[in-house]
Amino acid sequence: YYQLCGWDAEGVPTRETLQRLGLD
């Protein structure tokens, strides 16, 4: 669930999410 939302189990954004947020 977390990974599908772009967050890991600790509520930290995954690298892909950080890249998307940085490029968005």
N, C-alpha and C. Protein backbone atom coordinates (compact mmCIF):
# COMPACT_ATOMS: atom_id res chain seq x y z
N TYR A 1 0.85 -1.20 0.00
CA TYR A 1 0.00 0.00 0.00
C TYR A 1 0.88 1.25 0.00
N TYR A 2 1.83 1.29 0.92
CA TYR A 2 2.67 2.48 1.03
C TYR A 2 3.47 2.70 -0.25
N GLN A 3 4.07 1.61 -0.75
CA GLN A 3 4.90 1.73 -1.93
C GLN A 3 4.07 2.16 -3.13
N LEU A 4 2.82 1.68 -3.21
CA LEU A 4 1.96 2.06 -4.33
C LEU A 4 1.67 3.56 -4.27
N CYS A 5 1.64 4.10 -3.06
CA CYS A 5 1.36 5.52 -2.89
C CYS A 5 2.64 6.34 -2.98
N GLY A 6 3.77 5.66 -3.09
CA GLY A 6 5.04 6.37 -3.21
C GLY A 6 5.69 6.64 -1.86
N TRP A 7 5.20 5.94 -0.80
CA TRP A 7 5.78 6.13 0.54
C TRP A 7 6.13 4.77 1.11
N ASP A 8 7.23 4.72 1.88
CA ASP A 8 7.59 3.42 2.46
C ASP A 8 6.87 3.23 3.79
N ALA A 9 7.12 2.13 4.46
CA ALA A 9 6.37 1.75 5.66
C ALA A 9 6.54 2.76 6.79
N GLU A 10 7.62 3.55 6.75
CA GLU A 10 7.85 4.53 7.81
C GLU A 10 7.28 5.90 7.45
N GLY A 11 6.59 5.97 6.32
CA GLY A 11 5.99 7.23 5.91
C GLY A 11 6.98 8.15 5.22
N VAL A 12 8.11 7.58 4.77
CA VAL A 12 9.12 8.38 4.08
C VAL A 12 8.94 8.24 2.57
N PRO A 13 8.96 9.33 1.83
CA PRO A 13 8.80 9.25 0.39
C PRO A 13 9.90 8.42 -0.24
N THR A 14 9.53 7.58 -1.19
CA THR A 14 10.54 6.79 -1.89
C THR A 14 11.33 7.70 -2.83
N ARG A 15 12.46 7.20 -3.32
CA ARG A 15 13.28 8.03 -4.21
C ARG A 15 12.50 8.44 -5.44
N GLU A 16 11.67 7.54 -5.94
CA GLU A 16 10.88 7.87 -7.14
C GLU A 16 9.95 9.03 -6.84
N THR A 17 9.34 9.01 -5.65
CA THR A 17 8.42 10.08 -5.28
C THR A 17 9.17 11.39 -5.14
N LEU A 18 10.34 11.35 -4.51
CA LEU A 18 11.13 12.57 -4.35
C LEU A 18 11.49 13.14 -5.71
N GLN A 19 11.84 12.27 -6.65
CA GLN A 19 12.19 12.75 -7.98
C GLN A 19 10.97 13.37 -8.65
N ARG A 20 9.83 12.72 -8.49
CA ARG A 20 8.60 13.25 -9.12
C ARG A 20 8.26 14.61 -8.51
N LEU A 21 8.37 14.72 -7.18
CA LEU A 21 8.05 15.98 -6.53
C LEU A 21 9.02 17.07 -6.96
N GLY A 22 10.29 16.68 -7.13
CA GLY A 22 11.30 17.65 -7.52
C GLY A 22 11.12 18.10 -8.97
N LEU A 23 10.63 17.19 -9.82
CA LEU A 23 10.47 17.53 -11.23
C LEU A 23 9.10 18.09 -11.52
N ASP A 24 8.15 17.87 -10.61
CA ASP A 24 6.78 18.30 -10.87
C ASP A 24 6.67 19.82 -10.75
